Amino acid sequence: MSVLATAVAIFFIWQSKPSSQPLPPPTPMSPMAPTPPATTSTKVTVHVTGKIRHPGVYRLPTGARVADAVTAAGGVSRRASTGSLNLARRLIDGEQIVVGATSPEAAQPGLPATDPAATILDLNSATTDQLEQLPGVGEVLAARITEFRTTRGGFTSIEQLREVTGIGPRKFEEIKPKVRV
């Protein structure tokens, strides 16, 4: 009787084994270019200016990087440098990217800086992408901050960041001056 039970168990285990499914082929990427307005939730709008071939306003997919915006604007002009730009940083909707300037103030005197790193974020309204711009905050920690905000009904003080898993005393001190409630 136990042999029969063992045989039935082996049969069911074998039947429940997952089978592999082929993945669909990857979709080819097309060059970035300005596009007509589409769904606002899937695009970010950025202004690329400075020492760039085609300065202007560009709509790029959410999650695009500064390098994508520079490419969409035709690349840097001759003798220009992107040394002051973090080309790997994700774009934030409505930002201005100044190419080839030593600082945003030098590129456009009298206008406030639009550098996202200098922006103070509201913990209760910042998107996950915006939270990733904070020092020491990556994709996972930004998701934890957003989850904490959602489950607790928002932040009532900056000090509540200490309750988020992954934010220790040192990281909290780095983030503290760059956020508000």
N, C-alpha and C. Protein backbone atom coordinates (compact mmCIF):
# COMPACT_ATOMS: atom_id res chain seq x y z
N MET A 1 0.82 -1.20 0.00
CA MET A 1 0.00 0.00 0.00
C MET A 1 0.86 1.26 0.00
N SER A 2 1.99 1.23 0.77
CA SER A 2 2.85 2.40 0.82
C SER A 2 3.56 2.63 -0.51
N VAL A 3 3.82 1.56 -1.27
CA VAL A 3 4.43 1.70 -2.58
C VAL A 3 3.48 2.44 -3.51
N LEU A 4 2.20 2.11 -3.44
CA LEU A 4 1.19 2.77 -4.27
C LEU A 4 1.08 4.24 -3.89
N ALA A 5 1.08 4.54 -2.60
CA ALA A 5 1.00 5.94 -2.14
C ALA A 5 2.23 6.72 -2.60
N THR A 6 3.39 6.11 -2.54
CA THR A 6 4.62 6.76 -2.98
C THR A 6 4.56 7.02 -4.48
N ALA A 7 4.08 6.05 -5.25
CA ALA A 7 3.98 6.21 -6.70
C ALA A 7 3.01 7.33 -7.05
N VAL A 8 1.88 7.42 -6.36
CA VAL A 8 0.90 8.49 -6.60
C VAL A 8 1.51 9.85 -6.26
N ALA A 9 2.24 9.92 -5.13
CA ALA A 9 2.87 11.18 -4.73
C ALA A 9 3.90 11.63 -5.75
N ILE A 10 4.72 10.70 -6.24
CA ILE A 10 5.73 11.03 -7.25
C ILE A 10 5.04 11.51 -8.53
N PHE A 11 3.95 10.86 -8.92
CA PHE A 11 3.22 11.27 -10.11
C PHE A 11 2.72 12.72 -9.98
N PHE A 12 2.12 13.06 -8.83
CA PHE A 12 1.59 14.43 -8.63
C PHE A 12 2.71 15.46 -8.55
N ILE A 13 3.82 15.12 -7.95
CA ILE A 13 4.95 16.04 -7.90
C ILE A 13 5.48 16.28 -9.30
N TRP A 14 5.59 15.23 -10.08
CA TRP A 14 6.08 15.36 -11.43
C TRP A 14 5.11 16.22 -12.27
N GLN A 15 3.81 16.05 -12.09
CA GLN A 15 2.80 16.80 -12.83
C GLN A 15 2.81 18.28 -12.44
N SER A 16 3.15 18.59 -11.19
CA SER A 16 3.11 19.99 -10.74
C SER A 16 4.38 20.75 -11.08
N LYS A 17 5.37 20.09 -11.67
CA LYS A 17 6.62 20.74 -12.05
C LYS A 17 6.33 21.81 -13.11
N PRO A 18 6.81 23.05 -12.88
CA PRO A 18 6.55 24.10 -13.87
C PRO A 18 7.29 23.84 -15.18
N SER A 19 6.67 24.22 -16.26
CA SER A 19 7.31 24.08 -17.56
C SER A 19 7.76 25.46 -18.03
N SER A 20 8.86 25.51 -18.73
CA SER A 20 9.38 26.79 -19.18
C SER A 20 8.61 27.27 -20.41
N GLN A 21 8.41 28.57 -20.47
CA GLN A 21 7.73 29.19 -21.59
C GLN A 21 8.73 30.13 -22.28
N PRO A 22 8.78 30.17 -23.60
CA PRO A 22 9.72 31.08 -24.27
C PRO A 22 9.28 32.54 -24.07
N LEU A 23 10.26 33.43 -23.94
CA LEU A 23 9.97 34.85 -23.82
C LEU A 23 9.73 35.44 -25.20
N PRO A 24 8.90 36.48 -25.28
CA PRO A 24 8.72 37.14 -26.58
C PRO A 24 10.00 37.87 -26.96
N PRO A 25 10.25 38.07 -28.24
CA PRO A 25 11.48 38.77 -28.65
C PRO A 25 11.43 40.21 -28.16
N PRO A 26 12.60 40.80 -27.86
CA PRO A 26 12.61 42.19 -27.38
C PRO A 26 12.17 43.15 -28.48
N THR A 27 11.54 44.24 -28.08
CA THR A 27 11.11 45.23 -29.06
C THR A 27 12.27 46.18 -29.32
N PRO A 28 12.54 46.48 -30.58
CA PRO A 28 13.66 47.38 -30.90
C PRO A 28 13.36 48.79 -30.42
N MET A 29 14.41 49.49 -30.00
CA MET A 29 14.26 50.87 -29.54
C MET A 29 14.38 51.80 -30.73
N SER A 30 13.59 52.83 -30.73
CA SER A 30 13.67 53.83 -31.79
C SER A 30 14.36 55.06 -31.23
N PRO A 31 14.94 55.90 -32.08
CA PRO A 31 15.62 57.10 -31.59
C PRO A 31 14.62 58.04 -30.92
N MET A 32 15.09 58.71 -29.88
CA MET A 32 14.23 59.65 -29.15
C MET A 32 14.04 60.91 -29.99
N ALA A 33 12.84 61.40 -29.99
CA ALA A 33 12.51 62.64 -30.69
C ALA A 33 11.29 63.23 -30.03
N PRO A 34 11.09 64.55 -30.22
CA PRO A 34 9.88 65.14 -29.63
C PRO A 34 8.64 64.47 -30.22
N THR A 35 7.67 64.22 -29.40
CA THR A 35 6.45 63.57 -29.85
C THR A 35 5.26 64.42 -29.45
N PRO A 36 4.15 64.27 -30.14
CA PRO A 36 2.96 65.01 -29.74
C PRO A 36 2.48 64.55 -28.38
N PRO A 37 1.72 65.39 -27.67
CA PRO A 37 1.25 65.01 -26.34
C PRO A 37 0.53 63.67 -26.36
N ALA A 38 0.89 62.84 -25.39
CA ALA A 38 0.26 61.53 -25.24
C ALA A 38 -0.24 61.43 -23.82
N THR A 39 -0.33 60.23 -23.33
CA THR A 39 -0.76 60.03 -21.96
C THR A 39 0.28 60.64 -21.03
N THR A 40 -0.12 61.57 -20.18
CA THR A 40 0.83 62.28 -19.33
C THR A 40 1.46 61.38 -18.31
N SER A 41 0.85 60.25 -17.98
CA SER A 41 1.43 59.37 -16.98
C SER A 41 2.60 58.56 -17.53
N THR A 42 2.77 58.50 -18.85
CA THR A 42 3.86 57.71 -19.41
C THR A 42 4.97 58.57 -19.98
N LYS A 43 4.89 59.86 -19.88
CA LYS A 43 5.89 60.76 -20.45
C LYS A 43 6.30 61.81 -19.42
N VAL A 44 7.54 62.29 -19.56
CA VAL A 44 7.99 63.44 -18.80
C VAL A 44 8.37 64.51 -19.80
N THR A 45 8.17 65.76 -19.43
CA THR A 45 8.52 66.87 -20.29
C THR A 45 9.71 67.58 -19.67
N VAL A 46 10.78 67.76 -20.47
CA VAL A 46 11.99 68.42 -19.99
C VAL A 46 12.42 69.48 -20.99
N HIS A 47 13.10 70.50 -20.48
CA HIS A 47 13.65 71.56 -21.31
C HIS A 47 15.16 71.36 -21.35
N VAL A 48 15.69 71.12 -22.54
CA VAL A 48 17.13 70.92 -22.70
C VAL A 48 17.69 72.19 -23.35
N THR A 49 18.66 72.81 -22.68
CA THR A 49 19.20 74.08 -23.15
C THR A 49 20.71 74.10 -22.93
N GLY A 50 21.33 75.19 -23.35
CA GLY A 50 22.78 75.33 -23.17
C GLY A 50 23.51 74.97 -24.45
N LYS A 51 24.67 74.34 -24.29
CA LYS A 51 25.52 73.99 -25.42
C LYS A 51 25.08 72.66 -26.01
N ILE A 52 23.94 72.73 -26.69
CA ILE A 52 23.29 71.54 -27.24
C ILE A 52 22.93 71.85 -28.68
N ARG A 53 22.85 70.85 -29.53
CA ARG A 53 22.59 71.10 -30.96
C ARG A 53 21.18 71.59 -31.25
N HIS A 54 20.18 71.00 -30.57
CA HIS A 54 18.79 71.39 -30.83
C HIS A 54 18.09 71.67 -29.50
N PRO A 55 18.35 72.81 -28.88
CA PRO A 55 17.69 73.10 -27.61
C PRO A 55 16.17 73.15 -27.78
N GLY A 56 15.48 72.77 -26.75
CA GLY A 56 14.04 72.82 -26.81
C GLY A 56 13.39 71.98 -25.74
N VAL A 57 12.07 71.85 -25.85
CA VAL A 57 11.28 71.07 -24.91
C VAL A 57 11.03 69.69 -25.53
N TYR A 58 11.31 68.65 -24.76
CA TYR A 58 11.17 67.28 -25.25
C TYR A 58 10.31 66.46 -24.30
N ARG A 59 9.50 65.57 -24.89
CA ARG A 59 8.69 64.61 -24.10
C ARG A 59 9.36 63.25 -24.27
N LEU A 60 9.74 62.67 -23.12
CA LEU A 60 10.44 61.40 -23.11
C LEU A 60 9.70 60.42 -22.22
N PRO A 61 9.93 59.13 -22.40
CA PRO A 61 9.25 58.14 -21.56
C PRO A 61 9.62 58.31 -20.08
N THR A 62 8.67 58.05 -19.20
CA THR A 62 8.95 58.06 -17.78
C THR A 62 10.06 57.06 -17.51
N GLY A 63 11.02 57.46 -16.69
CA GLY A 63 12.16 56.60 -16.40
C GLY A 63 13.36 56.89 -17.29
N ALA A 64 13.21 57.81 -18.26
CA ALA A 64 14.32 58.16 -19.13
C ALA A 64 15.41 58.86 -18.30
N ARG A 65 16.61 58.84 -18.79
CA ARG A 65 17.77 59.41 -18.10
C ARG A 65 18.19 60.72 -18.77
N VAL A 66 19.06 61.47 -18.09
CA VAL A 66 19.57 62.73 -18.64
C VAL A 66 20.25 62.45 -19.98
N ALA A 67 20.95 61.35 -20.09
CA ALA A 67 21.62 60.99 -21.36
C ALA A 67 20.60 60.88 -22.49
N ASP A 68 19.41 60.37 -22.21
CA ASP A 68 18.36 60.26 -23.23
C ASP A 68 17.90 61.63 -23.69
N ALA A 69 17.80 62.57 -22.76
CA ALA A 69 17.38 63.93 -23.10
C ALA A 69 18.44 64.62 -23.96
N VAL A 70 19.71 64.43 -23.62
CA VAL A 70 20.80 65.02 -24.41
C VAL A 70 20.79 64.43 -25.82
N THR A 71 20.57 63.14 -25.93
CA THR A 71 20.50 62.48 -27.24
C THR A 71 19.31 63.00 -28.04
N ALA A 72 18.17 63.15 -27.38
CA ALA A 72 16.96 63.65 -28.06
C ALA A 72 17.18 65.05 -28.61
N ALA A 73 18.01 65.83 -27.92
CA ALA A 73 18.28 67.21 -28.35
C ALA A 73 19.45 67.26 -29.34
N GLY A 74 19.85 66.15 -29.87
CA GLY A 74 20.87 66.13 -30.91
C GLY A 74 22.30 66.02 -30.40
N GLY A 75 22.48 65.89 -29.11
CA GLY A 75 23.83 65.77 -28.56
C GLY A 75 24.43 67.14 -28.27
N VAL A 76 25.59 67.12 -27.65
CA VAL A 76 26.26 68.36 -27.27
C VAL A 76 26.90 68.99 -28.49
N SER A 77 27.00 70.32 -28.48
CA SER A 77 27.65 71.02 -29.58
C SER A 77 29.16 70.89 -29.43
N ARG A 78 29.90 71.33 -30.42
CA ARG A 78 31.36 71.20 -30.40
C ARG A 78 31.96 71.90 -29.20
N ARG A 79 33.01 71.32 -28.69
CA ARG A 79 33.77 71.85 -27.56
C ARG A 79 32.94 72.02 -26.29
N ALA A 80 31.80 71.38 -26.23
CA ALA A 80 30.98 71.44 -25.01
C ALA A 80 31.25 70.20 -24.19
N SER A 81 31.02 70.31 -22.91
CA SER A 81 31.28 69.19 -22.01
C SER A 81 30.02 68.89 -21.19
N THR A 82 29.82 67.61 -20.92
CA THR A 82 28.72 67.21 -20.05
C THR A 82 29.25 66.84 -18.67
N GLY A 83 30.47 67.27 -18.37
CA GLY A 83 31.13 66.90 -17.12
C GLY A 83 30.34 67.25 -15.88
N SER A 84 29.57 68.33 -15.88
CA SER A 84 28.82 68.72 -14.69
C SER A 84 27.48 68.01 -14.59
N LEU A 85 27.09 67.29 -15.63
CA LEU A 85 25.80 66.59 -15.62
C LEU A 85 25.97 65.14 -15.18
N ASN A 86 25.00 64.66 -14.43
CA ASN A 86 24.93 63.23 -14.11
C ASN A 86 24.06 62.61 -15.19
N LEU A 87 24.69 62.04 -16.20
CA LEU A 87 23.97 61.50 -17.34
C LEU A 87 23.13 60.28 -17.00
N ALA A 88 23.40 59.64 -15.87
CA ALA A 88 22.66 58.44 -15.48
C ALA A 88 21.42 58.77 -14.63
N ARG A 89 21.25 60.02 -14.23
CA ARG A 89 20.13 60.40 -13.36
C ARG A 89 18.83 60.33 -14.12
N ARG A 90 17.77 59.85 -13.45
CA ARG A 90 16.44 59.80 -14.07
C ARG A 90 15.87 61.21 -14.16
N LEU A 91 15.11 61.43 -15.21
CA LEU A 91 14.50 62.74 -15.44
C LEU A 91 13.30 62.95 -14.53
N ILE A 92 13.08 64.22 -14.18
CA ILE A 92 11.92 64.61 -13.40
C ILE A 92 11.07 65.51 -14.29
N ASP A 93 9.78 65.27 -14.31
CA ASP A 93 8.87 66.05 -15.16
C ASP A 93 8.99 67.53 -14.85
N GLY A 94 9.16 68.33 -15.89
CA GLY A 94 9.20 69.78 -15.76
C GLY A 94 10.56 70.36 -15.48
N GLU A 95 11.60 69.57 -15.45
CA GLU A 95 12.93 70.09 -15.13
C GLU A 95 13.61 70.67 -16.35
N GLN A 96 14.63 71.47 -16.09
CA GLN A 96 15.45 72.05 -17.14
C GLN A 96 16.85 71.46 -17.02
N ILE A 97 17.40 71.02 -18.13
CA ILE A 97 18.74 70.47 -18.16
C ILE A 97 19.62 71.44 -18.93
N VAL A 98 20.63 71.99 -18.24
CA VAL A 98 21.54 72.95 -18.85
C VAL A 98 22.84 72.21 -19.17
N VAL A 99 23.17 72.14 -20.46
CA VAL A 99 24.35 71.40 -20.91
C VAL A 99 25.51 72.37 -21.11
N GLY A 100 26.67 72.00 -20.56
CA GLY A 100 27.88 72.77 -20.79
C GLY A 100 28.09 73.95 -19.88
N ALA A 101 27.21 74.18 -18.93
CA ALA A 101 27.37 75.29 -18.00
C ALA A 101 28.06 74.78 -16.75
N THR A 102 28.88 75.63 -16.13
CA THR A 102 29.53 75.21 -14.90
C THR A 102 28.55 75.15 -13.75
N SER A 103 27.49 75.96 -13.80
CA SER A 103 26.41 75.91 -12.82
C SER A 103 25.17 76.48 -13.46
N PRO A 104 23.98 76.13 -13.00
CA PRO A 104 22.76 76.67 -13.59
C PRO A 104 22.71 78.19 -13.53
N GLU A 105 23.27 78.79 -12.45
CA GLU A 105 23.24 80.25 -12.33
C GLU A 105 24.10 80.90 -13.40
N ALA A 106 25.23 80.25 -13.76
CA ALA A 106 26.12 80.81 -14.77
C ALA A 106 25.47 80.76 -16.14
N ALA A 107 24.66 79.76 -16.39
CA ALA A 107 24.01 79.62 -17.70
C ALA A 107 22.91 80.64 -17.88
N GLN A 108 22.16 80.93 -16.84
CA GLN A 108 21.05 81.87 -16.94
C GLN A 108 21.01 82.73 -15.68
N PRO A 109 21.79 83.81 -15.65
CA PRO A 109 21.82 84.64 -14.45
C PRO A 109 20.45 85.19 -14.11
N GLY A 110 20.16 85.28 -12.84
CA GLY A 110 18.91 85.86 -12.38
C GLY A 110 17.78 84.85 -12.24
N LEU A 111 17.93 83.67 -12.81
CA LEU A 111 16.89 82.65 -12.70
C LEU A 111 17.26 81.67 -11.60
N PRO A 112 16.26 81.16 -10.88
CA PRO A 112 16.56 80.20 -9.83
C PRO A 112 17.11 78.90 -10.41
N ALA A 113 17.93 78.24 -9.63
CA ALA A 113 18.50 76.96 -10.06
C ALA A 113 17.39 75.93 -10.17
N THR A 114 17.47 75.10 -11.18
CA THR A 114 16.47 74.04 -11.36
C THR A 114 17.11 72.68 -11.17
N ASP A 115 18.29 72.65 -10.56
CA ASP A 115 18.97 71.39 -10.33
C ASP A 115 18.16 70.54 -9.36
N PRO A 116 17.70 69.34 -9.76
CA PRO A 116 16.90 68.51 -8.88
C PRO A 116 17.62 68.15 -7.59
N ALA A 117 18.96 68.09 -7.63
CA ALA A 117 19.71 67.76 -6.41
C ALA A 117 19.58 68.87 -5.37
N ALA A 118 19.31 70.11 -5.81
CA ALA A 118 19.18 71.23 -4.88
C ALA A 118 17.72 71.42 -4.44
N THR A 119 16.81 70.71 -5.02
CA THR A 119 15.40 70.84 -4.71
C THR A 119 15.08 70.16 -3.38
N ILE A 120 14.21 70.81 -2.60
CA ILE A 120 13.74 70.21 -1.36
C ILE A 120 12.43 69.50 -1.67
N LEU A 121 12.40 68.20 -1.40
CA LEU A 121 11.23 67.37 -1.74
C LEU A 121 10.26 67.28 -0.59
N ASP A 122 8.97 67.28 -0.90
CA ASP A 122 7.93 67.04 0.09
C ASP A 122 7.75 65.54 0.19
N LEU A 123 7.98 64.99 1.38
CA LEU A 123 7.89 63.54 1.57
C LEU A 123 6.50 62.99 1.27
N ASN A 124 5.47 63.82 1.39
CA ASN A 124 4.10 63.34 1.19
C ASN A 124 3.63 63.44 -0.25
N SER A 125 4.40 64.10 -1.12
CA SER A 125 3.95 64.21 -2.50
C SER A 125 5.00 63.81 -3.53
N ALA A 126 6.23 63.57 -3.12
CA ALA A 126 7.30 63.22 -4.06
C ALA A 126 7.05 61.84 -4.66
N THR A 127 7.34 61.72 -5.93
CA THR A 127 7.22 60.42 -6.61
C THR A 127 8.42 59.56 -6.24
N THR A 128 8.32 58.28 -6.55
CA THR A 128 9.44 57.37 -6.30
C THR A 128 10.68 57.82 -7.07
N ASP A 129 10.51 58.26 -8.31
CA ASP A 129 11.64 58.73 -9.11
C ASP A 129 12.29 59.95 -8.47
N GLN A 130 11.48 60.87 -7.94
CA GLN A 130 12.04 62.04 -7.28
C GLN A 130 12.78 61.66 -6.01
N LEU A 131 12.24 60.72 -5.25
CA LEU A 131 12.91 60.28 -4.02
C LEU A 131 14.27 59.64 -4.32
N GLU A 132 14.41 59.02 -5.48
CA GLU A 132 15.67 58.41 -5.86
C GLU A 132 16.78 59.44 -6.06
N GLN A 133 16.41 60.71 -6.20
CA GLN A 133 17.41 61.76 -6.38
C GLN A 133 18.05 62.16 -5.06
N LEU A 134 17.49 61.72 -3.94
CA LEU A 134 18.05 62.03 -2.63
C LEU A 134 19.36 61.26 -2.44
N PRO A 135 20.30 61.81 -1.66
CA PRO A 135 21.58 61.12 -1.46
C PRO A 135 21.41 59.78 -0.77
N GLY A 136 21.99 58.75 -1.36
CA GLY A 136 21.95 57.42 -0.77
C GLY A 136 20.63 56.69 -0.94
N VAL A 137 19.71 57.26 -1.70
CA VAL A 137 18.40 56.62 -1.88
C VAL A 137 18.34 56.04 -3.30
N GLY A 138 18.17 54.73 -3.36
CA GLY A 138 18.04 54.05 -4.65
C GLY A 138 16.60 53.63 -4.86
N GLU A 139 16.41 52.78 -5.84
CA GLU A 139 15.07 52.34 -6.22
C GLU A 139 14.35 51.62 -5.07
N VAL A 140 15.07 50.76 -4.36
CA VAL A 140 14.45 49.97 -3.29
C VAL A 140 14.07 50.86 -2.11
N LEU A 141 14.98 51.73 -1.70
CA LEU A 141 14.70 52.59 -0.55
C LEU A 141 13.61 53.61 -0.87
N ALA A 142 13.58 54.11 -2.09
CA ALA A 142 12.51 55.02 -2.50
C ALA A 142 11.15 54.32 -2.43
N ALA A 143 11.11 53.06 -2.84
CA ALA A 143 9.87 52.29 -2.75
C ALA A 143 9.46 52.07 -1.30
N ARG A 144 10.43 51.87 -0.41
CA ARG A 144 10.11 51.70 1.01
C ARG A 144 9.55 52.99 1.61
N ILE A 145 10.12 54.13 1.22
CA ILE A 145 9.61 55.42 1.71
C ILE A 145 8.18 55.62 1.23
N THR A 146 7.92 55.32 -0.03
CA THR A 146 6.57 55.46 -0.59
C THR A 146 5.59 54.51 0.11
N GLU A 147 6.03 53.27 0.36
CA GLU A 147 5.17 52.31 1.04
C GLU A 147 4.87 52.77 2.47
N PHE A 148 5.88 53.28 3.17
CA PHE A 148 5.68 53.79 4.53
C PHE A 148 4.65 54.91 4.52
N ARG A 149 4.78 55.82 3.56
CA ARG A 149 3.85 56.95 3.43
C ARG A 149 2.44 56.45 3.18
N THR A 150 2.29 55.46 2.31
CA THR A 150 0.97 54.93 1.97
C THR A 150 0.32 54.23 3.16
N THR A 151 1.10 53.39 3.85
CA THR A 151 0.52 52.62 4.95
C THR A 151 0.26 53.46 6.19
N ARG A 152 0.97 54.55 6.38
CA ARG A 152 0.81 55.39 7.57
C ARG A 152 -0.05 56.63 7.31
N GLY A 153 -0.52 56.80 6.08
CA GLY A 153 -1.34 57.98 5.78
C GLY A 153 -0.51 59.24 5.64
N GLY A 154 0.76 59.10 5.33
CA GLY A 154 1.63 60.25 5.11
C GLY A 154 2.57 60.47 6.28
N PHE A 155 3.54 61.33 6.04
CA PHE A 155 4.51 61.71 7.06
C PHE A 155 3.99 62.92 7.82
N THR A 156 4.15 62.92 9.13
CA THR A 156 3.79 64.08 9.93
C THR A 156 5.03 64.84 10.38
N SER A 157 6.21 64.19 10.29
CA SER A 157 7.47 64.86 10.60
C SER A 157 8.59 64.19 9.82
N ILE A 158 9.65 64.94 9.61
CA ILE A 158 10.80 64.41 8.89
C ILE A 158 11.44 63.26 9.68
N GLU A 159 11.38 63.34 11.00
CA GLU A 159 11.99 62.33 11.86
C GLU A 159 11.40 60.94 11.63
N GLN A 160 10.19 60.85 11.07
CA GLN A 160 9.59 59.55 10.80
C GLN A 160 10.38 58.76 9.75
N LEU A 161 11.25 59.43 9.00
CA LEU A 161 12.10 58.72 8.05
C LEU A 161 12.95 57.67 8.75
N ARG A 162 13.29 57.90 10.02
CA ARG A 162 14.11 56.95 10.78
C ARG A 162 13.40 55.61 10.94
N GLU A 163 12.07 55.60 10.83
CA GLU A 163 11.29 54.38 10.98
C GLU A 163 11.28 53.53 9.70
N VAL A 164 11.74 54.11 8.59
CA VAL A 164 11.77 53.38 7.32
C VAL A 164 12.98 52.44 7.34
N THR A 165 12.74 51.18 7.04
CA THR A 165 13.81 50.19 7.01
C THR A 165 14.88 50.60 5.99
N GLY A 166 16.12 50.64 6.43
CA GLY A 166 17.22 51.00 5.54
C GLY A 166 17.73 52.42 5.74
N ILE A 167 17.05 53.21 6.57
CA ILE A 167 17.52 54.56 6.85
C ILE A 167 18.07 54.59 8.27
N GLY A 168 19.39 54.61 8.34
CA GLY A 168 20.07 54.68 9.62
C GLY A 168 20.38 56.13 9.96
N PRO A 169 21.08 56.37 11.07
CA PRO A 169 21.39 57.74 11.50
C PRO A 169 22.19 58.53 10.47
N ARG A 170 23.18 57.90 9.83
CA ARG A 170 24.00 58.63 8.87
C ARG A 170 23.19 59.02 7.63
N LYS A 171 22.44 58.07 7.09
CA LYS A 171 21.64 58.35 5.89
C LYS A 171 20.57 59.40 6.21
N PHE A 172 19.98 59.31 7.42
CA PHE A 172 18.96 60.28 7.81
C PHE A 172 19.56 61.69 7.81
N GLU A 173 20.77 61.85 8.33
CA GLU A 173 21.41 63.17 8.37
C GLU A 173 21.71 63.70 6.97
N GLU A 174 21.99 62.80 6.02
CA GLU A 174 22.22 63.21 4.63
C GLU A 174 20.93 63.66 3.96
N ILE A 175 19.84 62.96 4.26
CA ILE A 175 18.56 63.22 3.61
C ILE A 175 17.84 64.41 4.24
N LYS A 176 17.94 64.56 5.54
CA LYS A 176 17.17 65.54 6.33
C LYS A 176 17.12 66.95 5.72
N PRO A 177 18.24 67.54 5.29
CA PRO A 177 18.16 68.90 4.75
C PRO A 177 17.52 68.99 3.36
N LYS A 178 17.27 67.85 2.73
CA LYS A 178 16.74 67.86 1.37
C LYS A 178 15.25 67.50 1.28
N VAL A 179 14.61 67.34 2.46
CA VAL A 179 13.19 66.99 2.47
C VAL A 179 12.41 67.87 3.44
N ARG A 180 11.10 67.88 3.23
CA ARG A 180 10.19 68.60 4.12
C ARG A 180 8.89 67.83 4.18
N VAL A 181 8.01 68.23 5.13
CA VAL A 181 6.70 67.60 5.26
C VAL A 181 5.64 68.65 4.97
